[in-house]
Amino acid sequence: MNWNQQLDLMCEPAWKGALLGSIALFASLVTMPFVPYLSDRFSRKWFWVVGHVIEVVCYSILLFTKSWTVMMVVMAGFGLTTTTRIIVGFTYLTEMFPKKRQVVAVTINLVENSTVYILGTIYFWQVSRNWFYFVLFGYIVSVTTCLMSFFVPESPRFLLAHGKLEETKKAINLIAKFNFKPPIDWSKIDLSAAKSDKEQLTAQFTPFIKRYTLSIKNLPPNTDLPTFHRMMSRRMTSLVDLSQVEEKVDLSAPHSPQRSFHVSFENK
């Protein structure tokens, strides 16, 4: 049994079946430009939680609906939550771990996501062609995750970057409680002396990037190298220190030398 039978698509145009997958990707694309930005401004946790709630609702309808139109709405809902569950959720995940543990946490997360495809292949190959029970397993996992997400604290890094010191302390103490650790003695720690928002964002998005290389080819011969050097310095010093600028002149150009600039930046 598959969706062709459940939605009575066997005598319908082929595009109806194909559109079920396409609408999910399109809905995900629509939310990409603004949902991550809003999560940076307002909350990591609640965007993630709302995504899980919508996913559970969509799963509940998907298991029993026999309407192609309703299924289109459901698949669009799955696409809409992709940004909150995966994009925002990925950032949320990394912020909950110290830097030395982030690589391990992200690796486990990606392996778990990839395992779903392997299990699906084995299920339809060796167990059954009926999709219902495979999706039912995903539904149970989704409901469990959704319920547990309400008990996860807001990202301490997010709270600290927004100057919410008291909420940061509560979030860290809750994490300590989950880890069977005693509460933090905040009288010995000055959170107000922590990094600024700009430094927090720089540390978040560029921790593993050690060198940047920028190549610009075929600039006009009258381009002034010192001016270019100063311009790139102003634009890049928020993230990196300018280390060197190398100019190469191509004398084989037919009319005039074509200049190429190769700029290297070192992470601060």
C-alpha atoms as a PDB file:
ATOM      1  CA  MET A   1       0.000   0.000   0.000  1.00  0.00           C
ATOM      2  CA  ASN A   2       1.326   3.471  -0.864  1.00  0.00           C
ATOM      3  CA  TRP A   3       0.036   6.979  -1.374  1.00  0.00           C
ATOM      4  CA  ASN A   4      -1.215   6.203  -4.876  1.00  0.00           C
ATOM      5  CA  GLN A   5      -3.782   3.909  -3.326  1.00  0.00           C
ATOM      6  CA  GLN A   6      -4.511   5.926  -0.191  1.00  0.00           C
ATOM      7  CA  LEU A   7      -5.027   9.157  -2.132  1.00  0.00           C
ATOM      8  CA  ASP A   8      -6.606   7.421  -5.143  1.00  0.00           C
ATOM      9  CA  LEU A   9      -3.943   8.728  -7.539  1.00  0.00           C
ATOM     10  CA  MET A  10      -3.706   5.649  -9.772  1.00  0.00           C
ATOM     11  CA  CYS A  11      -5.896   7.214 -12.468  1.00  0.00           C
ATOM     12  CA  GLU A  12      -4.748  10.799 -11.844  1.00  0.00           C
ATOM     13  CA  PRO A  13      -2.026  12.751 -13.737  1.00  0.00           C
ATOM     14  CA  ALA A  14       1.538  11.887 -12.709  1.00  0.00           C
ATOM     15  CA  TRP A  15       2.280  15.471 -11.677  1.00  0.00           C
ATOM     16  CA  LYS A  16      -0.006  15.142  -8.657  1.00  0.00           C
ATOM     17  CA  GLY A  17       2.256  12.560  -7.045  1.00  0.00           C
ATOM     18  CA  ALA A  18       5.410  14.452  -7.931  1.00  0.00           C
ATOM     19  CA  LEU A  19       4.032  17.701  -6.538  1.00  0.00           C
ATOM     20  CA  LEU A  20       3.708  16.181  -3.066  1.00  0.00           C
ATOM     21  CA  GLY A  21       7.489  16.154  -2.734  1.00  0.00           C
ATOM     22  CA  SER A  22       8.064  19.423  -4.557  1.00  0.00           C
ATOM     23  CA  ILE A  23       5.682  21.411  -2.358  1.00  0.00           C
ATOM     24  CA  ALA A  24       7.658  20.448   0.754  1.00  0.00           C
ATOM     25  CA  LEU A  25      10.911  21.701  -0.777  1.00  0.00           C
ATOM     26  CA  PHE A  26       9.244  24.906  -1.954  1.00  0.00           C
ATOM     27  CA  ALA A  27       7.752  25.594   1.487  1.00  0.00           C
ATOM     28  CA  SER A  28      11.164  25.068   3.055  1.00  0.00           C
ATOM     29  CA  LEU A  29      12.717  27.504   0.577  1.00  0.00           C
ATOM     30  CA  VAL A  30      10.112  30.164   1.409  1.00  0.00           C
ATOM     31  CA  THR A  31      11.023  30.174   5.112  1.00  0.00           C
ATOM     32  CA  MET A  32      14.801  30.115   4.670  1.00  0.00           C
ATOM     33  CA  PRO A  33      15.310  33.907   4.239  1.00  0.00           C
ATOM     34  CA  PHE A  34      13.574  35.013   7.456  1.00  0.00           C
ATOM     35  CA  VAL A  35      13.129  32.203  10.026  1.00  0.00           C
ATOM     36  CA  PRO A  36      16.845  31.884  10.962  1.00  0.00           C
ATOM     37  CA  TYR A  37      17.046  35.675  11.222  1.00  0.00           C
ATOM     38  CA  LEU A  38      14.007  35.796  13.528  1.00  0.00           C
ATOM     39  CA  SER A  39      15.454  33.027  15.690  1.00  0.00           C
ATOM     40  CA  ASP A  40      18.631  35.110  16.076  1.00  0.00           C
ATOM     41  CA  ARG A  41      16.525  37.993  17.330  1.00  0.00           C
ATOM     42  CA  PHE A  42      13.872  36.368  19.507  1.00  0.00           C
ATOM     43  CA  SER A  43      14.485  32.743  20.513  1.00  0.00           C
ATOM     44  CA  ARG A  44      16.190  29.504  19.598  1.00  0.00           C
ATOM     45  CA  LYS A  45      14.038  27.245  21.749  1.00  0.00           C
ATOM     46  CA  TRP A  46      10.557  28.375  20.826  1.00  0.00           C
ATOM     47  CA  PHE A  47      11.122  28.346  17.083  1.00  0.00           C
ATOM     48  CA  TRP A  48      12.427  24.803  17.522  1.00  0.00           C
ATOM     49  CA  VAL A  49       9.487  23.774  19.743  1.00  0.00           C
ATOM     50  CA  VAL A  50       6.864  25.263  17.404  1.00  0.00           C
ATOM     51  CA  GLY A  51       8.466  23.381  14.533  1.00  0.00           C
ATOM     52  CA  HIS A  52       8.074  20.101  16.422  1.00  0.00           C
ATOM     53  CA  VAL A  53       4.448  20.852  17.298  1.00  0.00           C
ATOM     54  CA  ILE A  54       3.599  21.552  13.654  1.00  0.00           C
ATOM     55  CA  GLU A  55       5.421  18.360  12.656  1.00  0.00           C
ATOM     56  CA  VAL A  56       3.324  16.267  15.073  1.00  0.00           C
ATOM     57  CA  VAL A  57       0.109  17.807  13.731  1.00  0.00           C
ATOM     58  CA  CYS A  58       1.196  17.074  10.161  1.00  0.00           C
ATOM     59  CA  TYR A  59       2.130  13.503  11.055  1.00  0.00           C
ATOM     60  CA  SER A  60      -1.266  12.974  12.697  1.00  0.00           C
ATOM     61  CA  ILE A  61      -3.102  14.067   9.562  1.00  0.00           C
ATOM     62  CA  LEU A  62      -0.762  12.241   7.173  1.00  0.00           C
ATOM     63  CA  LEU A  63      -1.477   8.838   8.703  1.00  0.00           C
ATOM     64  CA  PHE A  64      -5.200   8.961   8.026  1.00  0.00           C
ATOM     65  CA  THR A  65      -6.059  11.468   5.312  1.00  0.00           C
ATOM     66  CA  LYS A  66      -7.304  10.256   1.936  1.00  0.00           C
ATOM     67  CA  SER A  67      -7.467  13.689   0.329  1.00  0.00           C
ATOM     68  CA  TRP A  68      -4.777  14.819  -2.076  1.00  0.00           C
ATOM     69  CA  THR A  69      -5.459  18.465  -1.230  1.00  0.00           C
ATOM     70  CA  VAL A  70      -5.101  17.851   2.495  1.00  0.00           C
ATOM     71  CA  MET A  71      -1.904  15.885   1.861  1.00  0.00           C
ATOM     72  CA  MET A  72      -0.521  18.862  -0.073  1.00  0.00           C
ATOM     73  CA  VAL A  73      -1.114  21.083   2.966  1.00  0.00           C
ATOM     74  CA  VAL A  74       0.525  18.477   5.195  1.00  0.00           C
ATOM     75  CA  MET A  75       3.620  18.247   3.003  1.00  0.00           C
ATOM     76  CA  ALA A  76       3.844  22.042   2.898  1.00  0.00           C
ATOM     77  CA  GLY A  77       3.713  21.978   6.705  1.00  0.00           C
ATOM     78  CA  PHE A  78       6.619  19.537   6.809  1.00  0.00           C
ATOM     79  CA  GLY A  79       8.553  21.855   4.521  1.00  0.00           C
ATOM     80  CA  LEU A  80       7.811  24.891   6.665  1.00  0.00           C
ATOM     81  CA  THR A  81       9.119  23.133   9.760  1.00  0.00           C
ATOM     82  CA  THR A  82      12.346  22.039   8.074  1.00  0.00           C
ATOM     83  CA  THR A  83      13.863  25.459   8.715  1.00  0.00           C
ATOM     84  CA  THR A  84      12.898  25.509  12.390  1.00  0.00           C
ATOM     85  CA  ARG A  85      13.700  21.894  13.207  1.00  0.00           C
ATOM     86  CA  ILE A  86      16.888  21.486  11.191  1.00  0.00           C
ATOM     87  CA  ILE A  87      18.414  24.914  10.497  1.00  0.00           C
ATOM     88  CA  VAL A  88      17.496  26.611  13.786  1.00  0.00           C
ATOM     89  CA  GLY A  89      17.755  23.285  15.599  1.00  0.00           C
ATOM     90  CA  PHE A  90      21.310  22.754  14.357  1.00  0.00           C
ATOM     91  CA  THR A  91      22.397  26.129  15.737  1.00  0.00           C
ATOM     92  CA  TYR A  92      20.492  25.442  18.952  1.00  0.00           C
ATOM     93  CA  LEU A  93      22.281  22.100  19.286  1.00  0.00           C
ATOM     94  CA  THR A  94      25.776  23.516  18.855  1.00  0.00           C
ATOM     95  CA  GLU A  95      25.112  26.349  21.285  1.00  0.00           C
ATOM     96  CA  MET A  96      24.153  23.870  24.016  1.00  0.00           C
ATOM     97  CA  PHE A  97      27.600  22.254  23.972  1.00  0.00           C
ATOM     98  CA  PRO A  98      31.061  23.576  24.839  1.00  0.00           C
ATOM     99  CA  LYS A  99      33.274  24.031  21.796  1.00  0.00           C
ATOM    100  CA  LYS A 100      35.322  20.924  22.487  1.00  0.00           C
ATOM    101  CA  ARG A 101      32.136  18.799  22.353  1.00  0.00           C
ATOM    102  CA  GLN A 102      30.440  20.440  19.377  1.00  0.00           C
ATOM    103  CA  VAL A 103      32.119  18.286  16.723  1.00  0.00           C
ATOM    104  CA  VAL A 104      31.050  15.075  18.486  1.00  0.00           C
ATOM    105  CA  ALA A 105      27.486  16.321  18.999  1.00  0.00           C
ATOM    106  CA  VAL A 106      27.087  17.434  15.394  1.00  0.00           C
ATOM    107  CA  THR A 107      28.571  14.170  14.105  1.00  0.00           C
ATOM    108  CA  ILE A 108      26.121  12.098  16.152  1.00  0.00           C
ATOM    109  CA  ASN A 109      23.252  14.272  14.911  1.00  0.00           C
ATOM    110  CA  LEU A 110      24.220  13.880  11.251  1.00  0.00           C
ATOM    111  CA  VAL A 111      24.773  10.129  11.603  1.00  0.00           C
ATOM    112  CA  GLU A 112      21.339   9.780  13.187  1.00  0.00           C
ATOM    113  CA  ASN A 113      19.737  11.727  10.332  1.00  0.00           C
ATOM    114  CA  SER A 114      21.494   9.569   7.742  1.00  0.00           C
ATOM    115  CA  THR A 115      20.497   6.347   9.503  1.00  0.00           C
ATOM    116  CA  VAL A 116      16.838   7.066   8.752  1.00  0.00           C
ATOM    117  CA  TYR A 117      17.465   6.571   5.027  1.00  0.00           C
ATOM    118  CA  ILE A 118      19.298   3.298   5.659  1.00  0.00           C
ATOM    119  CA  LEU A 119      16.519   1.993   7.895  1.00  0.00           C
ATOM    120  CA  GLY A 120      13.915   3.036   5.331  1.00  0.00           C
ATOM    121  CA  THR A 121      15.740   1.166   2.591  1.00  0.00           C
ATOM    122  CA  ILE A 122      16.008  -2.000   4.689  1.00  0.00           C
ATOM    123  CA  TYR A 123      12.347  -1.751   5.759  1.00  0.00           C
ATOM    124  CA  PHE A 124      10.923  -1.468   2.247  1.00  0.00           C
ATOM    125  CA  TRP A 125      13.408  -4.018   0.905  1.00  0.00           C
ATOM    126  CA  GLN A 126      13.102  -6.772   3.510  1.00  0.00           C
ATOM    127  CA  VAL A 127      10.141  -6.045   5.805  1.00  0.00           C
ATOM    128  CA  SER A 128       7.142  -4.554   4.018  1.00  0.00           C
ATOM    129  CA  ARG A 129       6.051  -2.350   1.140  1.00  0.00           C
ATOM    130  CA  ASN A 130       3.427  -0.719   3.327  1.00  0.00           C
ATOM    131  CA  TRP A 131       4.613   2.752   4.301  1.00  0.00           C
ATOM    132  CA  PHE A 132       2.126   3.134   7.201  1.00  0.00           C
ATOM    133  CA  TYR A 133       4.116   1.317   9.881  1.00  0.00           C
ATOM    134  CA  PHE A 134       7.380   2.990   8.947  1.00  0.00           C
ATOM    135  CA  VAL A 135       5.765   6.420   9.177  1.00  0.00           C
ATOM    136  CA  LEU A 136       4.028   5.362  12.408  1.00  0.00           C
ATOM    137  CA  PHE A 137       7.461   4.733  13.942  1.00  0.00           C
ATOM    138  CA  GLY A 138       8.534   8.231  12.863  1.00  0.00           C
ATOM    139  CA  TYR A 139       5.320   9.612  14.345  1.00  0.00           C
ATOM    140  CA  ILE A 140       6.051   8.037  17.745  1.00  0.00           C
ATOM    141  CA  VAL A 141       9.591   9.450  17.709  1.00  0.00           C
ATOM    142  CA  SER A 142       8.244  12.875  16.710  1.00  0.00           C
ATOM    143  CA  VAL A 143       5.657  12.957  19.518  1.00  0.00           C
ATOM    144  CA  THR A 144       8.289  11.913  22.072  1.00  0.00           C
ATOM    145  CA  THR A 145      10.731  14.559  20.859  1.00  0.00           C
ATOM    146  CA  CYS A 146       8.019  17.217  20.846  1.00  0.00           C
ATOM    147  CA  LEU A 147       7.040  16.517  24.462  1.00  0.00           C
ATOM    148  CA  MET A 148      10.653  16.497  25.625  1.00  0.00           C
ATOM    149  CA  SER A 149      11.471  19.753  23.801  1.00  0.00           C
ATOM    150  CA  PHE A 150       9.345  21.738  26.259  1.00  0.00           C
ATOM    151  CA  PHE A 151      11.746  20.806  29.076  1.00  0.00           C
ATOM    152  CA  VAL A 152      14.919  21.902  27.270  1.00  0.00           C
ATOM    153  CA  PRO A 153      16.132  25.369  28.357  1.00  0.00           C
ATOM    154  CA  GLU A 154      16.813  28.277  26.051  1.00  0.00           C
ATOM    155  CA  SER A 155      20.330  28.452  24.633  1.00  0.00           C
ATOM    156  CA  PRO A 156      22.603  30.052  27.276  1.00  0.00           C
ATOM    157  CA  ARG A 157      24.787  31.530  24.526  1.00  0.00           C
ATOM    158  CA  PHE A 158      21.729  33.139  22.931  1.00  0.00           C
ATOM    159  CA  LEU A 159      20.595  34.580  26.271  1.00  0.00           C
ATOM    160  CA  LEU A 160      24.065  35.866  27.114  1.00  0.00           C
ATOM    161  CA  ALA A 161      24.461  37.487  23.702  1.00  0.00           C
ATOM    162  CA  HIS A 162      21.198  39.360  24.330  1.00  0.00           C
ATOM    163  CA  GLY A 163      22.259  40.515  27.785  1.00  0.00           C
ATOM    164  CA  LYS A 164      19.736  38.354  29.681  1.00  0.00           C
ATOM    165  CA  LEU A 165      22.047  37.464  32.551  1.00  0.00           C
ATOM    166  CA  GLU A 166      19.512  36.114  35.028  1.00  0.00           C
ATOM    167  CA  GLU A 167      17.868  33.905  32.419  1.00  0.00           C
ATOM    168  CA  THR A 168      21.329  32.690  31.402  1.00  0.00           C
ATOM    169  CA  LYS A 169      22.029  31.609  34.978  1.00  0.00           C
ATOM    170  CA  LYS A 170      18.721  29.741  35.194  1.00  0.00           C
ATOM    171  CA  ALA A 171      19.337  27.968  31.881  1.00  0.00           C
ATOM    172  CA  ILE A 172      22.843  26.854  32.890  1.00  0.00           C
ATOM    173  CA  ASN A 173      21.625  25.644  36.278  1.00  0.00           C
ATOM    174  CA  LEU A 174      18.869  23.647  34.585  1.00  0.00           C
ATOM    175  CA  ILE A 175      21.443  22.032  32.289  1.00  0.00           C
ATOM    176  CA  ALA A 176      23.556  21.240  35.362  1.00  0.00           C
ATOM    177  CA  LYS A 177      20.515  19.633  36.981  1.00  0.00           C
ATOM    178  CA  PHE A 178      19.899  17.423  33.926  1.00  0.00           C
ATOM    179  CA  ASN A 179      23.567  16.387  34.113  1.00  0.00           C
ATOM    180  CA  PHE A 180      23.270  15.573  37.832  1.00  0.00           C
ATOM    181  CA  LYS A 181      25.608  18.416  38.709  1.00  0.00           C
ATOM    182  CA  PRO A 182      25.241  20.902  41.604  1.00  0.00           C
ATOM    183  CA  PRO A 183      24.035  24.446  40.814  1.00  0.00           C
ATOM    184  CA  ILE A 184      26.659  26.996  39.799  1.00  0.00           C
ATOM    185  CA  ASP A 185      27.886  29.432  42.463  1.00  0.00           C
ATOM    186  CA  TRP A 186      27.315  32.657  40.523  1.00  0.00           C
ATOM    187  CA  SER A 187      28.871  34.825  43.218  1.00  0.00           C
ATOM    188  CA  LYS A 188      32.272  33.833  41.818  1.00  0.00           C
ATOM    189  CA  ILE A 189      31.413  34.429  38.159  1.00  0.00           C
ATOM    190  CA  ASP A 190      30.803  37.799  36.500  1.00  0.00           C
ATOM    191  CA  LEU A 191      28.669  37.195  33.410  1.00  0.00           C
ATOM    192  CA  SER A 192      28.511  40.918  32.679  1.00  0.00           C
ATOM    193  CA  ALA A 193      32.193  40.736  31.733  1.00  0.00           C
ATOM    194  CA  ALA A 194      31.464  38.159  29.032  1.00  0.00           C
ATOM    195  CA  LYS A 195      32.001  38.834  25.355  1.00  0.00           C
ATOM    196  CA  SER A 196      29.902  41.360  23.464  1.00  0.00           C
ATOM    197  CA  ASP A 197      27.201  40.384  20.978  1.00  0.00           C
ATOM    198  CA  LYS A 198      29.556  40.949  18.055  1.00  0.00           C
ATOM    199  CA  GLU A 199      32.264  38.786  19.584  1.00  0.00           C
ATOM    200  CA  GLN A 200      29.709  36.108  20.426  1.00  0.00           C
ATOM    201  CA  LEU A 201      28.482  35.943  16.850  1.00  0.00           C
ATOM    202  CA  THR A 202      32.039  35.893  15.517  1.00  0.00           C
ATOM    203  CA  ALA A 203      32.941  33.030  17.841  1.00  0.00           C
ATOM    204  CA  GLN A 204      29.783  31.174  16.844  1.00  0.00           C
ATOM    205  CA  PHE A 205      30.106  31.376  13.092  1.00  0.00           C
ATOM    206  CA  THR A 206      33.884  31.311  12.555  1.00  0.00           C
ATOM    207  CA  PRO A 207      35.390  28.972  15.178  1.00  0.00           C
ATOM    208  CA  PHE A 208      36.836  26.478  12.712  1.00  0.00           C
ATOM    209  CA  ILE A 209      37.867  28.863   9.922  1.00  0.00           C
ATOM    210  CA  LYS A 210      41.547  29.691  10.204  1.00  0.00           C
ATOM    211  CA  ARG A 211      42.262  31.341   6.872  1.00  0.00           C
ATOM    212  CA  TYR A 212      40.265  33.151   4.220  1.00  0.00           C
ATOM    213  CA  THR A 213      41.492  33.521   0.642  1.00  0.00           C
ATOM    214  CA  LEU A 214      39.899  35.955  -1.750  1.00  0.00           C
ATOM    215  CA  SER A 215      40.904  36.108  -5.416  1.00  0.00           C
ATOM    216  CA  ILE A 216      39.744  38.878  -7.734  1.00  0.00           C
ATOM    217  CA  LYS A 217      40.841  38.541 -11.324  1.00  0.00           C
ATOM    218  CA  ASN A 218      41.020  40.854 -14.299  1.00  0.00           C
ATOM    219  CA  LEU A 219      40.750  44.170 -12.500  1.00  0.00           C
ATOM    220  CA  PRO A 220      41.406  47.305 -14.578  1.00  0.00           C
ATOM    221  CA  PRO A 221      45.070  48.321 -14.819  1.00  0.00           C
ATOM    222  CA  ASN A 222      44.399  51.600 -13.020  1.00  0.00           C
ATOM    223  CA  THR A 223      43.156  49.841  -9.850  1.00  0.00           C
ATOM    224  CA  ASP A 224      45.178  51.163  -6.945  1.00  0.00           C
ATOM    225  CA  LEU A 225      46.580  48.400  -4.712  1.00  0.00           C
ATOM    226  CA  PRO A 226      46.896  50.466  -1.476  1.00  0.00           C
ATOM    227  CA  THR A 227      43.295  51.656  -1.841  1.00  0.00           C
ATOM    228  CA  PHE A 228      42.157  48.082  -2.376  1.00  0.00           C
ATOM    229  CA  HIS A 229      44.151  47.033   0.702  1.00  0.00           C
ATOM    230  CA  ARG A 230      42.436  49.648   2.895  1.00  0.00           C
ATOM    231  CA  MET A 231      38.989  48.820   1.524  1.00  0.00           C
ATOM    232  CA  MET A 232      39.345  45.103   2.298  1.00  0.00           C
ATOM    233  CA  SER A 233      40.750  45.895   5.740  1.00  0.00           C
ATOM    234  CA  ARG A 234      37.689  47.966   6.646  1.00  0.00           C
ATOM    235  CA  ARG A 235      35.287  45.316   5.404  1.00  0.00           C
ATOM    236  CA  MET A 236      36.942  42.279   6.920  1.00  0.00           C
ATOM    237  CA  THR A 237      38.331  43.416  10.262  1.00  0.00           C
ATOM    238  CA  SER A 238      35.038  42.537  11.969  1.00  0.00           C
ATOM    239  CA  LEU A 239      35.909  38.880  11.405  1.00  0.00           C
ATOM    240  CA  VAL A 240      39.563  38.552  10.546  1.00  0.00           C
ATOM    241  CA  ASP A 241      42.925  40.294  10.549  1.00  0.00           C
ATOM    242  CA  LEU A 242      44.347  41.201   7.173  1.00  0.00           C
ATOM    243  CA  SER A 243      47.635  39.354   6.815  1.00  0.00           C
ATOM    244  CA  GLN A 244      48.836  39.793   3.263  1.00  0.00           C
ATOM    245  CA  VAL A 245      47.911  41.020  -0.177  1.00  0.00           C
ATOM    246  CA  GLU A 246      49.577  39.620  -3.243  1.00  0.00           C
ATOM    247  CA  GLU A 247      49.323  41.231  -6.670  1.00  0.00           C
ATOM    248  CA  LYS A 248      49.944  39.310  -9.863  1.00  0.00           C
ATOM    249  CA  VAL A 249      50.182  40.909 -13.303  1.00  0.00           C
ATOM    250  CA  ASP A 250      49.395  38.889 -16.414  1.00  0.00           C
ATOM    251  CA  LEU A 251      51.676  40.274 -19.148  1.00  0.00           C
ATOM    252  CA  SER A 252      50.254  37.867 -21.707  1.00  0.00           C
ATOM    253  CA  ALA A 253      47.013  39.843 -21.999  1.00  0.00           C
ATOM    254  CA  PRO A 254      46.512  41.042 -25.594  1.00  0.00           C
ATOM    255  CA  HIS A 255      45.942  44.742 -24.920  1.00  0.00           C
ATOM    256  CA  SER A 256      47.006  45.678 -21.395  1.00  0.00           C
ATOM    257  CA  PRO A 257      48.249  43.854 -18.308  1.00  0.00           C
ATOM    258  CA  GLN A 258      45.402  42.196 -16.404  1.00  0.00           C
ATOM    259  CA  ARG A 259      45.877  42.447 -12.672  1.00  0.00           C
ATOM    260  CA  SER A 260      44.725  39.787 -10.200  1.00  0.00           C
ATOM    261  CA  PHE A 261      44.663  40.327  -6.438  1.00  0.00           C
ATOM    262  CA  HIS A 262      44.985  37.365  -4.061  1.00  0.00           C
ATOM    263  CA  VAL A 263      44.162  38.388  -0.511  1.00  0.00           C
ATOM    264  CA  SER A 264      44.687  36.173   2.547  1.00  0.00           C
ATOM    265  CA  PHE A 265      43.111  36.783   5.941  1.00  0.00           C
ATOM    266  CA  GLU A 266      43.942  35.188   9.262  1.00  0.00           C
ATOM    267  CA  ASN A 267      41.226  34.508  11.820  1.00  0.00           C
ATOM    268  CA  LYS A 268      41.613  36.588  14.974  1.00  0.00           C
END
